[in-house]
Every structure is written in structure tokens, then in C-alpha cells.
């Protein structure tokens, strides 16, 4: 009886603690506080990252403008630089909607530095928003281009895109490159030109189309090097790593959001820009107990999808696990990490232990909270052979 009563008491306190944690996290979201995350430097820039929808519309413009004006006001009060980062993904949007967003970015908020973040391939009309920003940063393997998705681009959209380049907001954009994005028949090349001889020689790089390259050749200009960025009659995507190497289109390449934010001296809280004061925070709890294998991974994935589909924007995972199979644990960590792209904050609570694969899973979340006696870590892979105790996997296998 005594043991049963103790068990009920512990369960009561555990449930009560989780309820308090959910309430505290919701309150911290409302006031803009997050424990365990360093605040922005008061002397550094102030910024916000906004993941844009695949299909942009009037609501997208409203959200972007609201955040931009708020950034401008805060930056002016604190005497700091304002940075607005827009994470742009591939999708299908009406030209009129992306045009309105691009117009706002290019004319209505000159005090706010705008950066387009393209972590993965970006085709279609959504790319016009990136052309309106002061700066473009990309994933190293991401491609950007093919505004028409293999089809002819409307003349108005083509003229608007080229007009954005002529504003010279982004010095790494060239008219030839953007013309290649909106006209699949265009060839786009990078050239290195030499003027003068010997010690007096000077060099210049340009991005040119096929006609411009022919003119350079006809004028007997000395072309030291040439790279084809887009062949004629091809959809063509401009690759992030290549563009950075040639110092065109993108000012930097980053593997992760966090790497990018560190470069701009912005706090990790900027990643949580989808949560602002006044948002309706909806919390769900998912328990992860015991060994994690493929079947358990699939079950948890279904639970996550079900909760997000029901409107949850904050997931709390109670993790009490000794680990499990490596690949399912890594995939779960990636699923947790991708929730931020869907405007869902993820939080882990460890009441007792998150060992090995349990630790890997936990590290995919935005925040980790632990009981004072809890343990986390020891994520070294192990192997078990028949009749033997477990052994650490050798470095060659790892």
C-alpha cells in the first residue's frame, strides 16, 4: 500500500510540474524571455528571422510589415542596427502577392537591413522576394533561379525583377544574372578581364550574358578566365557554393540557421521569431519512454504530426530513455529540429535520464529542461554481440 501511495504521489507531482512548465514557457513566450538562451547584445544589431510560407499572400505581407516596423522602432529607440531575415522556400505564389512584398521591402523600410536566407533550392515566383533584399545568403548546396519554373515568365514580372536589380540594393546581383533567372534562353557567364601588362595589370570580374560576352570578344578585351553559370535554353539554378567562390549573388553560405545567426551577431532567440507577444500558445505533451527503435520512431512521428495538425505550436517531450538504435534516434532529432520551420517550438524535459540515443533525440529540440538529479549524455555508439556485454563501437565503424 505504501509503495502504491508513493507512486501516486510522485505521478501527481510529475504531472503538476509539467503543467507549471507549460504555463511558464507560454508566459515567457508572451514577454519575449527564454531561459538558457543568451540575450542579444545590447550594443549589437537587433534582428528577427521569419520563415515565409510556400504560398505567399496578403497575410504574409501583413506579418512581414508588422515585424519590420517593430524592428525599426526598437532599433531607433536603442540606437542599434535592425536586421530582418526572411527564410524563403520553394512554392507556388501569385505574382501580385510576391510583387507587393518585394515593393514593401525595396521602398518602405530603408532603415531595416533585409536578408534573404535560401537554405534549399528556390525556384518560382517566390524568388522575386529575395531579389528585393539587401543581401542573399544560401546553403552551400542550394540553388536559386528558374523564376518561371521552366515556362516563360510574364513580361511584367520579368521587367519588375530586372527593375529590382537596377536599384542596386544588392551589389552582388547583376542584370545579366537576373535576366538568366527570368529568361531560360539566356546564357550567363562569369568572366575575369585583364587590363594592362606586367606590374601595371589590373583585373575585373563581371557577370555577362551571351551578347555581352560576344561584344567583349569583338572589342579584343583580354579575358583571363571564363565560367558558364547557366547554359542557354536551360532552366539553370545558380549554386550557393559556386556563387560565393566567384563573389556573385550570395554574400555568404551557411550550413545551418544558427551558423547564419552567429555570423550576424544575433541571438538564438531570433530563431523563434514565429512567437510574438499576443500569440495563442497551444501546448501538447508527448512522452518518450524506454528504448527507441524504428517502430517507436514511426509512432512518435505520427504523434507529432497529429498534434501539429490539431493546432499545437509548442511541443513538450518528456524523455526518459536509455537510448536505442542510432538511425531512428538521429531521424527523430532531425524531425524535432525541423519543427521550427513549421512555427512550432520544441522543449525537452528530462525527469531521470536521457542517455545515448535519448540524448541525441533531446538535442534536436530548441530547449532542454532537467530535474536536478537527471542525467543526459553518453551518446557514444555501442554494439552488442551474442553472449557478451556491450562494447564501444570502434572509431573505424563510427
Foldseek 3Di string as FASTA:
>chain_A
DVVVVVVVVVVVVVVVVVVVVVVVVVVCLQVVHDPPWDAFDLAAAEEAEDEADQEAAPVRLVVQVVVLVVQLVVCVVSVYQYEYEYEFDHHDYDLVRLLVSLVCLQPVRPRYQYEYEYAAEYEASSCLNRLSGLAYEYAQAHWYALHVVLDADDPVSLVSSLVSVVVVSHVQEDSLVSNCRRAQQKWKKKWKFWDDDDPPIDIDIDIHIPVVVVVCVVVVTHTPDMDTQHHGNHNGTRGRNVCCVSVHRHVYHDNDPVVVCVVSSHIPSSLLNLRYNPDDAAEDEDEADEADDPVNLVVVVVVVVVCVVVPHQEYEYEYDYQYYDQPSLQVLLVVQLCSSSVNHAYEYEYEAEQHASRQSNRVSGPYYHYDPRHYYYPNFDWDDDPPDDIDGDDPVVD
